[in-house]
Amino acid sequence: ISFGTTSDAGDKFRSRIHTLIETCKKRGLSAMSVLSEIITSIVEKKPYPNVFDL
């Protein structure tokens, strides 16, 4: 099974990552860069950046 998950949380995570990737593609952005910015803000306990202005 492709992208198989064993929980509702796994399904939600997969769905959100796919949405991020597709949105980034449409906007001509790097999904890895956007995700990196979001994770960095979480780790550093800073406000989320406006990732679509990157």
PDB file of N, CA and C in Angstrom:
ATOM      1  N   ILE A   1       0.855  -1.182   0.000  1.00  0.00           N
ATOM      2  CA  ILE A   1       0.000   0.000   0.000  1.00  0.00           C
ATOM      3  C   ILE A   1       0.894   1.237   0.000  1.00  0.00           C
ATOM      4  N   SER A   2       0.679   2.123  -0.935  1.00  0.00           N
ATOM      5  CA  SER A   2       1.421   3.376  -0.966  1.00  0.00           C
ATOM      6  C   SER A   2       0.860   4.343   0.067  1.00  0.00           C
ATOM      7  N   PHE A   3       1.744   4.987   0.772  1.00  0.00           N
ATOM      8  CA  PHE A   3       1.376   5.990   1.772  1.00  0.00           C
ATOM      9  C   PHE A   3       0.465   5.422   2.845  1.00  0.00           C
ATOM     10  N   GLY A   4       0.583   4.142   3.120  1.00  0.00           N
ATOM     11  CA  GLY A   4      -0.269   3.530   4.123  1.00  0.00           C
ATOM     12  C   GLY A   4       0.041   4.052   5.515  1.00  0.00           C
ATOM     13  N   THR A   5      -0.999   4.285   6.292  1.00  0.00           N
ATOM     14  CA  THR A   5      -0.834   4.683   7.683  1.00  0.00           C
ATOM     15  C   THR A   5      -1.680   3.756   8.533  1.00  0.00           C
ATOM     16  N   THR A   6      -1.413   3.775   9.817  1.00  0.00           N
ATOM     17  CA  THR A   6      -2.148   2.888  10.713  1.00  0.00           C
ATOM     18  C   THR A   6      -2.988   3.654  11.724  1.00  0.00           C
ATOM     19  N   SER A   7      -3.138   4.965  11.519  1.00  0.00           N
ATOM     20  CA  SER A   7      -3.929   5.748  12.465  1.00  0.00           C
ATOM     21  C   SER A   7      -4.540   6.965  11.779  1.00  0.00           C
ATOM     22  N   ASP A   8      -5.525   7.548  12.441  1.00  0.00           N
ATOM     23  CA  ASP A   8      -6.122   8.784  11.935  1.00  0.00           C
ATOM     24  C   ASP A   8      -5.088   9.907  11.927  1.00  0.00           C
ATOM     25  N   ALA A   9      -4.239   9.934  12.952  1.00  0.00           N
ATOM     26  CA  ALA A   9      -3.201  10.966  13.016  1.00  0.00           C
ATOM     27  C   ALA A   9      -2.244  10.834  11.833  1.00  0.00           C
ATOM     28  N   GLY A  10      -1.905   9.612  11.467  1.00  0.00           N
ATOM     29  CA  GLY A  10      -1.036   9.378  10.314  1.00  0.00           C
ATOM     30  C   GLY A  10      -1.689   9.822   9.021  1.00  0.00           C
ATOM     31  N   ASP A  11      -2.994   9.568   8.900  1.00  0.00           N
ATOM     32  CA  ASP A  11      -3.738  10.011   7.717  1.00  0.00           C
ATOM     33  C   ASP A  11      -3.750  11.531   7.614  1.00  0.00           C
ATOM     34  N   LYS A  12      -3.978  12.199   8.746  1.00  0.00           N
ATOM     35  CA  LYS A  12      -3.999  13.667   8.755  1.00  0.00           C
ATOM     36  C   LYS A  12      -2.630  14.229   8.396  1.00  0.00           C
ATOM     37  N   PHE A  13      -1.571  13.644   8.962  1.00  0.00           N
ATOM     38  CA  PHE A  13      -0.217  14.111   8.668  1.00  0.00           C
ATOM     39  C   PHE A  13       0.081  13.971   7.180  1.00  0.00           C
ATOM     40  N   ARG A  14      -0.216  12.806   6.622  1.00  0.00           N
ATOM     41  CA  ARG A  14       0.022  12.565   5.196  1.00  0.00           C
ATOM     42  C   ARG A  14      -0.745  13.560   4.342  1.00  0.00           C
ATOM     43  N   SER A  15      -1.985  13.787   4.673  1.00  0.00           N
ATOM     44  CA  SER A  15      -2.822  14.722   3.923  1.00  0.00           C
ATOM     45  C   SER A  15      -2.258  16.136   3.979  1.00  0.00           C
ATOM     46  N   ARG A  16      -1.811  16.548   5.142  1.00  0.00           N
ATOM     47  CA  ARG A  16      -1.269  17.907   5.292  1.00  0.00           C
ATOM     48  C   ARG A  16       0.046  18.076   4.541  1.00  0.00           C
ATOM     49  N   ILE A  17       0.885  17.060   4.566  1.00  0.00           N
ATOM     50  CA  ILE A  17       2.153  17.140   3.831  1.00  0.00           C
ATOM     51  C   ILE A  17       1.882  17.186   2.333  1.00  0.00           C
ATOM     52  N   HIS A  18       0.957  16.386   1.850  1.00  0.00           N
ATOM     53  CA  HIS A  18       0.619  16.409   0.418  1.00  0.00           C
ATOM     54  C   HIS A  18       0.055  17.766   0.015  1.00  0.00           C
ATOM     55  N   THR A  19      -0.771  18.354   0.875  1.00  0.00           N
ATOM     56  CA  THR A  19      -1.315  19.685   0.602  1.00  0.00           C
ATOM     57  C   THR A  19      -0.198  20.712   0.536  1.00  0.00           C
ATOM     58  N   LEU A  20       0.735  20.648   1.471  1.00  0.00           N
ATOM     59  CA  LEU A  20       1.882  21.561   1.467  1.00  0.00           C
ATOM     60  C   LEU A  20       2.674  21.423   0.170  1.00  0.00           C
ATOM     61  N   ILE A  21       2.961  20.203  -0.223  1.00  0.00           N
ATOM     62  CA  ILE A  21       3.745  19.959  -1.439  1.00  0.00           C
ATOM     63  C   ILE A  21       3.025  20.502  -2.670  1.00  0.00           C
ATOM     64  N   GLU A  22       1.744  20.226  -2.804  1.00  0.00           N
ATOM     65  CA  GLU A  22       0.993  20.684  -3.979  1.00  0.00           C
ATOM     66  C   GLU A  22       0.861  22.204  -4.006  1.00  0.00           C
ATOM     67  N   THR A  23       0.645  22.819  -2.846  1.00  0.00           N
ATOM     68  CA  THR A  23       0.559  24.281  -2.787  1.00  0.00           C
ATOM     69  C   THR A  23       1.889  24.904  -3.177  1.00  0.00           C
ATOM     70  N   CYS A  24       2.976  24.343  -2.680  1.00  0.00           N
ATOM     71  CA  CYS A  24       4.304  24.857  -3.023  1.00  0.00           C
ATOM     72  C   CYS A  24       4.574  24.720  -4.517  1.00  0.00           C
ATOM     73  N   LYS A  25       4.193  23.598  -5.100  1.00  0.00           N
ATOM     74  CA  LYS A  25       4.373  23.409  -6.547  1.00  0.00           C
ATOM     75  C   LYS A  25       3.647  24.497  -7.323  1.00  0.00           C
ATOM     76  N   LYS A  26       2.397  24.765  -6.951  1.00  0.00           N
ATOM     77  CA  LYS A  26       1.590  25.766  -7.653  1.00  0.00           C
ATOM     78  C   LYS A  26       2.172  27.167  -7.511  1.00  0.00           C
ATOM     79  N   ARG A  27       2.846  27.425  -6.380  1.00  0.00           N
ATOM     80  CA  ARG A  27       3.412  28.747  -6.137  1.00  0.00           C
ATOM     81  C   ARG A  27       4.883  28.844  -6.540  1.00  0.00           C
ATOM     82  N   GLY A  28       5.434  27.749  -7.034  1.00  0.00           N
ATOM     83  CA  GLY A  28       6.827  27.746  -7.457  1.00  0.00           C
ATOM     84  C   GLY A  28       7.809  27.815  -6.301  1.00  0.00           C
ATOM     85  N   LEU A  29       7.425  27.240  -5.164  1.00  0.00           N
ATOM     86  CA  LEU A  29       8.271  27.255  -3.971  1.00  0.00           C
ATOM     87  C   LEU A  29       8.830  25.865  -3.695  1.00  0.00           C
ATOM     88  N   SER A  30       9.906  25.838  -2.940  1.00  0.00           N
ATOM     89  CA  SER A  30      10.489  24.575  -2.505  1.00  0.00           C
ATOM     90  C   SER A  30       9.757  24.097  -1.253  1.00  0.00           C
ATOM     91  N   ALA A  31       9.125  22.940  -1.337  1.00  0.00           N
ATOM     92  CA  ALA A  31       8.418  22.392  -0.179  1.00  0.00           C
ATOM     93  C   ALA A  31       9.385  22.144   0.977  1.00  0.00           C
ATOM     94  N   MET A  32      10.594  21.728   0.670  1.00  0.00           N
ATOM     95  CA  MET A  32      11.584  21.484   1.726  1.00  0.00           C
ATOM     96  C   MET A  32      11.954  22.780   2.439  1.00  0.00           C
ATOM     97  N   SER A  33      12.104  23.871   1.693  1.00  0.00           N
ATOM     98  CA  SER A  33      12.434  25.162   2.310  1.00  0.00           C
ATOM     99  C   SER A  33      11.300  25.646   3.203  1.00  0.00           C
ATOM    100  N   VAL A  34      10.083  25.523   2.716  1.00  0.00           N
ATOM    101  CA  VAL A  34       8.922  25.950   3.491  1.00  0.00           C
ATOM    102  C   VAL A  34       8.809  25.114   4.759  1.00  0.00           C
ATOM    103  N   LEU A  35       8.913  23.805   4.635  1.00  0.00           N
ATOM    104  CA  LEU A  35       8.823  22.922   5.792  1.00  0.00           C
ATOM    105  C   LEU A  35       9.954  23.196   6.776  1.00  0.00           C
ATOM    106  N   SER A  36      11.138  23.448   6.267  1.00  0.00           N
ATOM    107  CA  SER A  36      12.282  23.771   7.118  1.00  0.00           C
ATOM    108  C   SER A  36      12.035  25.042   7.925  1.00  0.00           C
ATOM    109  N   GLU A  37      11.469  26.061   7.282  1.00  0.00           N
ATOM    110  CA  GLU A  37      11.159  27.316   7.978  1.00  0.00           C
ATOM    111  C   GLU A  37      10.136  27.088   9.089  1.00  0.00           C
ATOM    112  N   ILE A  38       9.139  26.283   8.811  1.00  0.00           N
ATOM    113  CA  ILE A  38       8.107  25.998   9.811  1.00  0.00           C
ATOM    114  C   ILE A  38       8.702  25.239  10.992  1.00  0.00           C
ATOM    115  N   ILE A  39       9.481  24.207  10.714  1.00  0.00           N
ATOM    116  CA  ILE A  39      10.086  23.404  11.784  1.00  0.00           C
ATOM    117  C   ILE A  39      11.046  24.243  12.610  1.00  0.00           C
ATOM    118  N   THR A  40      11.839  25.080  11.960  1.00  0.00           N
ATOM    119  CA  THR A  40      12.774  25.951  12.678  1.00  0.00           C
ATOM    120  C   THR A  40      12.022  26.871  13.633  1.00  0.00           C
ATOM    121  N   SER A  41      10.918  27.444  13.188  1.00  0.00           N
ATOM    122  CA  SER A  41      10.155  28.340  14.062  1.00  0.00           C
ATOM    123  C   SER A  41       9.584  27.583  15.263  1.00  0.00           C
ATOM    124  N   ILE A  42       9.190  26.337  15.063  1.00  0.00           N
ATOM    125  CA  ILE A  42       8.672  25.531  16.173  1.00  0.00           C
ATOM    126  C   ILE A  42       9.782  25.233  17.174  1.00  0.00           C
ATOM    127  N   VAL A  43      10.926  24.778  16.677  1.00  0.00           N
ATOM    128  CA  VAL A  43      12.049  24.417  17.549  1.00  0.00           C
ATOM    129  C   VAL A  43      12.547  25.633  18.329  1.00  0.00           C
ATOM    130  N   GLU A  44      12.615  26.786  17.653  1.00  0.00           N
ATOM    131  CA  GLU A  44      13.120  28.008  18.291  1.00  0.00           C
ATOM    132  C   GLU A  44      12.028  28.767  19.043  1.00  0.00           C
ATOM    133  N   LYS A  45      10.822  28.207  19.070  1.00  0.00           N
ATOM    134  CA  LYS A  45       9.673  28.804  19.760  1.00  0.00           C
ATOM    135  C   LYS A  45       9.442  30.245  19.322  1.00  0.00           C
ATOM    136  N   LYS A  46       9.458  30.430  18.011  1.00  0.00           N
ATOM    137  CA  LYS A  46       9.204  31.735  17.408  1.00  0.00           C
ATOM    138  C   LYS A  46       7.875  31.673  16.662  1.00  0.00           C
ATOM    139  N   PRO A  47       7.294  32.837  16.358  1.00  0.00           N
ATOM    140  CA  PRO A  47       6.051  32.827  15.574  1.00  0.00           C
ATOM    141  C   PRO A  47       6.275  32.191  14.209  1.00  0.00           C
ATOM    142  N   TYR A  48       5.227  31.582  13.696  1.00  0.00           N
ATOM    143  CA  TYR A  48       5.329  30.980  12.369  1.00  0.00           C
ATOM    144  C   TYR A  48       5.605  32.059  11.333  1.00  0.00           C
ATOM    145  N   PRO A  49       6.514  31.772  10.406  1.00  0.00           N
ATOM    146  CA  PRO A  49       6.768  32.743   9.334  1.00  0.00           C
ATOM    147  C   PRO A  49       5.639  32.702   8.304  1.00  0.00           C
ATOM    148  N   ASN A  50       5.511  33.769   7.536  1.00  0.00           N
ATOM    149  CA  ASN A  50       4.582  33.748   6.408  1.00  0.00           C
ATOM    150  C   ASN A  50       5.320  33.026   5.295  1.00  0.00           C
ATOM    151  N   VAL A  51       5.206  31.708   5.281  1.00  0.00           N
ATOM    152  CA  VAL A  51       6.024  30.872   4.405  1.00  0.00           C
ATOM    153  C   VAL A  51       5.782  31.105   2.929  1.00  0.00           C
ATOM    154  N   PHE A  52       4.644  31.658   2.565  1.00  0.00           N
ATOM    155  CA  PHE A  52       4.386  31.867   1.150  1.00  0.00           C
ATOM    156  C   PHE A  52       4.966  33.181   0.646  1.00  0.00           C
ATOM    157  N   ASP A  53       5.666  33.903   1.530  1.00  0.00           N
ATOM    158  CA  ASP A  53       6.414  35.085   1.111  1.00  0.00           C
ATOM    159  C   ASP A  53       7.901  34.777   1.004  1.00  0.00           C
ATOM    160  N   LEU A  54       8.298  33.523   1.214  1.00  0.00           N
ATOM    161  CA  LEU A  54       9.722  33.153   1.170  1.00  0.00           C
ATOM    162  C   LEU A  54      10.253  33.239  -0.234  1.00  0.00           C
TER     163      LEU A  54
END
